PDB file of all heavy atoms in Angstrom:
ATOM      1  N   ALA A   1       6.718   4.956   9.488  1.00  0.00           N
ATOM      2  CA  ALA A   1       6.585   5.881   8.361  1.00  0.00           C
ATOM      3  C   ALA A   1       7.185   5.278   7.095  1.00  0.00           C
ATOM      4  O   ALA A   1       6.644   5.445   5.993  1.00  0.00           O
ATOM      5  CB  ALA A   1       7.254   7.212   8.695  1.00  0.00           C
ATOM      6  N   GLU A   2       8.307   4.578   7.227  1.00  0.00           N
ATOM      7  CA  GLU A   2       8.929   3.943   6.067  1.00  0.00           C
ATOM      8  C   GLU A   2       8.031   2.845   5.507  1.00  0.00           C
ATOM      9  O   GLU A   2       7.886   2.705   4.284  1.00  0.00           O
ATOM     10  CB  GLU A   2      10.290   3.357   6.472  1.00  0.00           C
ATOM     11  CG  GLU A   2      10.983   2.516   5.401  1.00  0.00           C
ATOM     12  CD  GLU A   2      11.446   3.308   4.195  1.00  0.00           C
ATOM     13  OE1 GLU A   2      11.199   4.533   4.129  1.00  0.00           O
ATOM     14  OE2 GLU A   2      12.044   2.698   3.298  1.00  0.00           O
ATOM     15  N   ALA A   3       7.387   2.070   6.378  1.00  0.00           N
ATOM     16  CA  ALA A   3       6.484   1.029   5.912  1.00  0.00           C
ATOM     17  C   ALA A   3       5.299   1.632   5.166  1.00  0.00           C
ATOM     18  O   ALA A   3       4.865   1.099   4.128  1.00  0.00           O
ATOM     19  CB  ALA A   3       6.001   0.188   7.092  1.00  0.00           C
ATOM     20  N   ILE A   4       4.773   2.748   5.661  1.00  0.00           N
ATOM     21  CA  ILE A   4       3.660   3.419   4.974  1.00  0.00           C
ATOM     22  C   ILE A   4       4.116   3.925   3.610  1.00  0.00           C
ATOM     23  O   ILE A   4       3.409   3.773   2.603  1.00  0.00           O
ATOM     24  CB  ILE A   4       3.116   4.574   5.831  1.00  0.00           C
ATOM     25  CG1 ILE A   4       2.417   4.033   7.078  1.00  0.00           C
ATOM     26  CG2 ILE A   4       2.146   5.437   5.016  1.00  0.00           C
ATOM     27  CD1 ILE A   4       1.987   5.100   8.058  1.00  0.00           C
ATOM     28  N   ARG A   5       5.294   4.505   3.561  1.00  0.00           N
ATOM     29  CA  ARG A   5       5.820   5.031   2.293  1.00  0.00           C
ATOM     30  C   ARG A   5       5.923   3.923   1.248  1.00  0.00           C
ATOM     31  O   ARG A   5       5.495   4.081   0.099  1.00  0.00           O
ATOM     32  CB  ARG A   5       7.184   5.674   2.525  1.00  0.00           C
ATOM     33  CG  ARG A   5       7.786   6.321   1.287  1.00  0.00           C
ATOM     34  CD  ARG A   5       9.169   6.895   1.597  1.00  0.00           C
ATOM     35  NE  ARG A   5      10.149   5.836   1.786  1.00  0.00           N
ATOM     36  CZ  ARG A   5      10.808   5.250   0.780  1.00  0.00           C
ATOM     37  NH1 ARG A   5      10.554   5.600  -0.471  1.00  0.00           N
ATOM     38  NH2 ARG A   5      11.712   4.324   1.025  1.00  0.00           N
ATOM     39  N   LEU A   6       6.482   2.789   1.638  1.00  0.00           N
ATOM     40  CA  LEU A   6       6.656   1.685   0.697  1.00  0.00           C
ATOM     41  C   LEU A   6       5.308   1.074   0.293  1.00  0.00           C
ATOM     42  O   LEU A   6       5.118   0.676  -0.853  1.00  0.00           O
ATOM     43  CB  LEU A   6       7.554   0.619   1.308  1.00  0.00           C
ATOM     44  CG  LEU A   6       9.012   1.041   1.526  1.00  0.00           C
ATOM     45  CD1 LEU A   6       9.773  -0.042   2.281  1.00  0.00           C
ATOM     46  CD2 LEU A   6       9.697   1.337   0.195  1.00  0.00           C
ATOM     47  N   THR A   7       4.367   1.015   1.236  1.00  0.00           N
ATOM     48  CA  THR A   7       3.051   0.472   0.910  1.00  0.00           C
ATOM     49  C   THR A   7       2.307   1.404  -0.034  1.00  0.00           C
ATOM     50  O   THR A   7       1.563   0.956  -0.915  1.00  0.00           O
ATOM     51  CB  THR A   7       2.235   0.223   2.189  1.00  0.00           C
ATOM     52  OG1 THR A   7       3.005  -0.589   3.087  1.00  0.00           O
ATOM     53  CG2 THR A   7       0.926  -0.493   1.883  1.00  0.00           C
ATOM     54  N   ARG A   8       2.501   2.709   0.117  1.00  0.00           N
ATOM     55  CA  ARG A   8       1.925   3.661  -0.850  1.00  0.00           C
ATOM     56  C   ARG A   8       2.490   3.384  -2.252  1.00  0.00           C
ATOM     57  O   ARG A   8       1.753   3.404  -3.249  1.00  0.00           O
ATOM     58  CB  ARG A   8       2.245   5.099  -0.450  1.00  0.00           C
ATOM     59  CG  ARG A   8       1.405   5.664   0.670  1.00  0.00           C
ATOM     60  CD  ARG A   8       1.637   7.163   0.771  1.00  0.00           C
ATOM     61  NE  ARG A   8       1.007   7.745   1.927  1.00  0.00           N
ATOM     62  CZ  ARG A   8      -0.275   8.092   1.986  1.00  0.00           C
ATOM     63  NH1 ARG A   8      -1.061   7.857   0.934  1.00  0.00           N
ATOM     64  NH2 ARG A   8      -0.767   8.653   3.072  1.00  0.00           N
ATOM     65  N   GLN A   9       3.786   3.162  -2.334  1.00  0.00           N
ATOM     66  CA  GLN A   9       4.400   2.857  -3.634  1.00  0.00           C
ATOM     67  C   GLN A   9       3.797   1.591  -4.228  1.00  0.00           C
ATOM     68  O   GLN A   9       3.490   1.535  -5.431  1.00  0.00           O
ATOM     69  CB  GLN A   9       5.913   2.678  -3.470  1.00  0.00           C
ATOM     70  CG  GLN A   9       6.690   3.946  -3.253  1.00  0.00           C
ATOM     71  CD  GLN A   9       8.192   3.705  -3.286  1.00  0.00           C
ATOM     72  OE1 GLN A   9       8.644   2.594  -3.567  1.00  0.00           O
ATOM     73  NE2 GLN A   9       8.965   4.723  -2.989  1.00  0.00           N
ATOM     74  N   LEU A  10       3.636   0.585  -3.394  1.00  0.00           N
ATOM     75  CA  LEU A  10       3.079  -0.678  -3.876  1.00  0.00           C
ATOM     76  C   LEU A  10       1.634  -0.498  -4.329  1.00  0.00           C
ATOM     77  O   LEU A  10       1.221  -1.047  -5.364  1.00  0.00           O
ATOM     78  CB  LEU A  10       3.166  -1.727  -2.770  1.00  0.00           C
ATOM     79  CG  LEU A  10       2.796  -3.162  -3.147  1.00  0.00           C
ATOM     80  CD1 LEU A  10       3.679  -3.666  -4.283  1.00  0.00           C
ATOM     81  CD2 LEU A  10       2.914  -4.073  -1.936  1.00  0.00           C
ATOM     82  N   ALA A  11       0.853   0.274  -3.574  1.00  0.00           N
ATOM     83  CA  ALA A  11      -0.548   0.523  -3.944  1.00  0.00           C
ATOM     84  C   ALA A  11      -0.648   1.293  -5.262  1.00  0.00           C
ATOM     85  O   ALA A  11      -1.585   1.081  -6.039  1.00  0.00           O
ATOM     86  CB  ALA A  11      -1.254   1.285  -2.823  1.00  0.00           C
ATOM     87  N   ALA A  12       0.311   2.180  -5.508  1.00  0.00           N
ATOM     88  CA  ALA A  12       0.308   2.931  -6.759  1.00  0.00           C
ATOM     89  C   ALA A  12       0.679   2.049  -7.946  1.00  0.00           C
ATOM     90  O   ALA A  12       0.267   2.305  -9.084  1.00  0.00           O
ATOM     91  CB  ALA A  12       1.279   4.108  -6.664  1.00  0.00           C
ATOM     92  N   ALA A  13       1.450   0.978  -7.683  1.00  0.00           N
ATOM     93  CA  ALA A  13       1.928   0.115  -8.768  1.00  0.00           C
ATOM     94  C   ALA A  13       1.023  -1.076  -9.026  1.00  0.00           C
ATOM     95  O   ALA A  13       1.000  -1.614 -10.140  1.00  0.00           O
ATOM     96  CB  ALA A  13       3.344  -0.376  -8.443  1.00  0.00           C
ATOM     97  N   ILE A  14       0.289  -1.526  -7.984  1.00  0.00           N
ATOM     98  CA  ILE A  14      -0.495  -2.760  -8.095  1.00  0.00           C
ATOM     99  C   ILE A  14      -1.937  -2.499  -7.661  1.00  0.00           C
ATOM    100  O   ILE A  14      -2.174  -1.998  -6.566  1.00  0.00           O
ATOM    101  CB  ILE A  14       0.116  -3.876  -7.222  1.00  0.00           C
ATOM    102  CG1 ILE A  14       1.546  -4.192  -7.667  1.00  0.00           C
ATOM    103  CG2 ILE A  14      -0.735  -5.134  -7.270  1.00  0.00           C
ATOM    104  CD1 ILE A  14       2.241  -5.209  -6.799  1.00  0.00           C
ATOM    105  N   ASP A  15      -2.880  -2.860  -8.499  1.00  0.00           N
ATOM    106  CA  ASP A  15      -4.295  -2.718  -8.169  1.00  0.00           C
ATOM    107  C   ASP A  15      -4.741  -4.002  -7.479  1.00  0.00           C
ATOM    108  O   ASP A  15      -5.153  -4.972  -8.126  1.00  0.00           O
ATOM    109  CB  ASP A  15      -5.100  -2.472  -9.442  1.00  0.00           C
ATOM    110  CG  ASP A  15      -6.573  -2.227  -9.153  1.00  0.00           C
ATOM    111  OD1 ASP A  15      -6.899  -1.894  -7.992  1.00  0.00           O
ATOM    112  OD2 ASP A  15      -7.390  -2.378 -10.079  1.00  0.00           O
ATOM    113  N   HIS A  16      -4.657  -4.020  -6.148  1.00  0.00           N
ATOM    114  CA  HIS A  16      -4.896  -5.237  -5.381  1.00  0.00           C
ATOM    115  C   HIS A  16      -5.626  -4.850  -4.093  1.00  0.00           C
ATOM    116  O   HIS A  16      -5.160  -4.002  -3.342  1.00  0.00           O
ATOM    117  CB  HIS A  16      -3.560  -5.898  -5.044  1.00  0.00           C
ATOM    118  CG  HIS A  16      -3.658  -7.288  -4.504  1.00  0.00           C
ATOM    119  ND1 HIS A  16      -4.292  -7.577  -3.319  1.00  0.00           N
ATOM    120  CD2 HIS A  16      -3.195  -8.470  -4.989  1.00  0.00           C
ATOM    121  CE1 HIS A  16      -4.201  -8.881  -3.090  1.00  0.00           C
ATOM    122  NE2 HIS A  16      -3.557  -9.440  -4.086  1.00  0.00           N
ATOM    123  N   PRO A  17      -6.785  -5.460  -3.795  1.00  0.00           N
ATOM    124  CA  PRO A  17      -7.555  -5.030  -2.619  1.00  0.00           C
ATOM    125  C   PRO A  17      -6.818  -5.215  -1.300  1.00  0.00           C
ATOM    126  O   PRO A  17      -7.012  -4.426  -0.372  1.00  0.00           O
ATOM    127  CB  PRO A  17      -8.822  -5.887  -2.682  1.00  0.00           C
ATOM    128  CG  PRO A  17      -8.508  -7.015  -3.598  1.00  0.00           C
ATOM    129  CD  PRO A  17      -7.500  -6.487  -4.562  1.00  0.00           C
ATOM    130  N   GLU A  18      -5.961  -6.238  -1.180  1.00  0.00           N
ATOM    131  CA  GLU A  18      -5.239  -6.431   0.072  1.00  0.00           C
ATOM    132  C   GLU A  18      -4.103  -5.428   0.233  1.00  0.00           C
ATOM    133  O   GLU A  18      -3.767  -5.054   1.352  1.00  0.00           O
ATOM    134  CB  GLU A  18      -4.694  -7.857   0.171  1.00  0.00           C
ATOM    135  CG  GLU A  18      -5.672  -8.852   0.752  1.00  0.00           C
ATOM    136  CD  GLU A  18      -5.975  -8.578   2.221  1.00  0.00           C
ATOM    137  OE1 GLU A  18      -6.834  -7.707   2.489  1.00  0.00           O
ATOM    138  OE2 GLU A  18      -5.361  -9.210   3.098  1.00  0.00           O
ATOM    139  N   VAL A  19      -3.517  -4.969  -0.861  1.00  0.00           N
ATOM    140  CA  VAL A  19      -2.542  -3.883  -0.770  1.00  0.00           C
ATOM    141  C   VAL A  19      -3.232  -2.634  -0.248  1.00  0.00           C
ATOM    142  O   VAL A  19      -2.729  -1.945   0.652  1.00  0.00           O
ATOM    143  CB  VAL A  19      -1.881  -3.613  -2.134  1.00  0.00           C
ATOM    144  CG1 VAL A  19      -0.930  -2.421  -2.039  1.00  0.00           C
ATOM    145  CG2 VAL A  19      -1.120  -4.844  -2.623  1.00  0.00           C
ATOM    146  N   ALA A  20      -4.407  -2.345  -0.801  1.00  0.00           N
ATOM    147  CA  ALA A  20      -5.194  -1.198  -0.320  1.00  0.00           C
ATOM    148  C   ALA A  20      -5.598  -1.399   1.136  1.00  0.00           C
ATOM    149  O   ALA A  20      -5.561  -0.461   1.939  1.00  0.00           O
ATOM    150  CB  ALA A  20      -6.427  -1.018  -1.192  1.00  0.00           C
ATOM    151  N   GLY A  21      -5.983  -2.629   1.488  1.00  0.00           N
ATOM    152  CA  GLY A  21      -6.364  -2.904   2.873  1.00  0.00           C
ATOM    153  C   GLY A  21      -5.222  -2.671   3.841  1.00  0.00           C
ATOM    154  O   GLY A  21      -5.422  -2.112   4.927  1.00  0.00           O
ATOM    155  N   LEU A  22      -4.013  -3.086   3.454  1.00  0.00           N
ATOM    156  CA  LEU A  22      -2.862  -2.871   4.326  1.00  0.00           C
ATOM    157  C   LEU A  22      -2.556  -1.387   4.468  1.00  0.00           C
ATOM    158  O   LEU A  22      -2.271  -0.905   5.572  1.00  0.00           O
ATOM    159  CB  LEU A  22      -1.640  -3.612   3.787  1.00  0.00           C
ATOM    160  CG  LEU A  22      -0.358  -3.434   4.597  1.00  0.00           C
ATOM    161  CD1 LEU A  22      -0.542  -3.891   6.047  1.00  0.00           C
ATOM    162  CD2 LEU A  22       0.809  -4.175   3.946  1.00  0.00           C
ATOM    163  N   LEU A  23      -2.617  -0.645   3.370  1.00  0.00           N
ATOM    164  CA  LEU A  23      -2.356   0.797   3.451  1.00  0.00           C
ATOM    165  C   LEU A  23      -3.386   1.472   4.348  1.00  0.00           C
ATOM    166  O   LEU A  23      -3.038   2.318   5.190  1.00  0.00           O
ATOM    167  CB  LEU A  23      -2.377   1.410   2.053  1.00  0.00           C
ATOM    168  CG  LEU A  23      -2.153   2.923   1.987  1.00  0.00           C
ATOM    169  CD1 LEU A  23      -0.835   3.312   2.643  1.00  0.00           C
ATOM    170  CD2 LEU A  23      -2.197   3.408   0.536  1.00  0.00           C
ATOM    171  N   ALA A  24      -4.655   1.101   4.201  1.00  0.00           N
ATOM    172  CA  ALA A  24      -5.700   1.675   5.065  1.00  0.00           C
ATOM    173  C   ALA A  24      -5.432   1.345   6.526  1.00  0.00           C
ATOM    174  O   ALA A  24      -5.560   2.208   7.409  1.00  0.00           O
ATOM    175  CB  ALA A  24      -7.070   1.136   4.641  1.00  0.00           C
ATOM    176  N   LEU A  25      -5.060   0.099   6.807  1.00  0.00           N
ATOM    177  CA  LEU A  25      -4.778  -0.309   8.182  1.00  0.00           C
ATOM    178  C   LEU A  25      -3.645   0.516   8.777  1.00  0.00           C
ATOM    179  O   LEU A  25      -3.744   1.003   9.915  1.00  0.00           O
ATOM    180  CB  LEU A  25      -4.415  -1.797   8.195  1.00  0.00           C
ATOM    181  CG  LEU A  25      -3.966  -2.382   9.535  1.00  0.00           C
ATOM    182  CD1 LEU A  25      -5.088  -2.313  10.563  1.00  0.00           C
ATOM    183  CD2 LEU A  25      -3.487  -3.825   9.338  1.00  0.00           C
TER     184      LEU A  25
END
C-alpha cells in the first residue's frame, strides 16, 4: 500500500508513461 501511495504521488508529479505503467501494474 505504501508503494502504491508513493507511485501515485510520482504519477501526479511526472508525466511519464513508465510511471503510469508501474502504477497500473
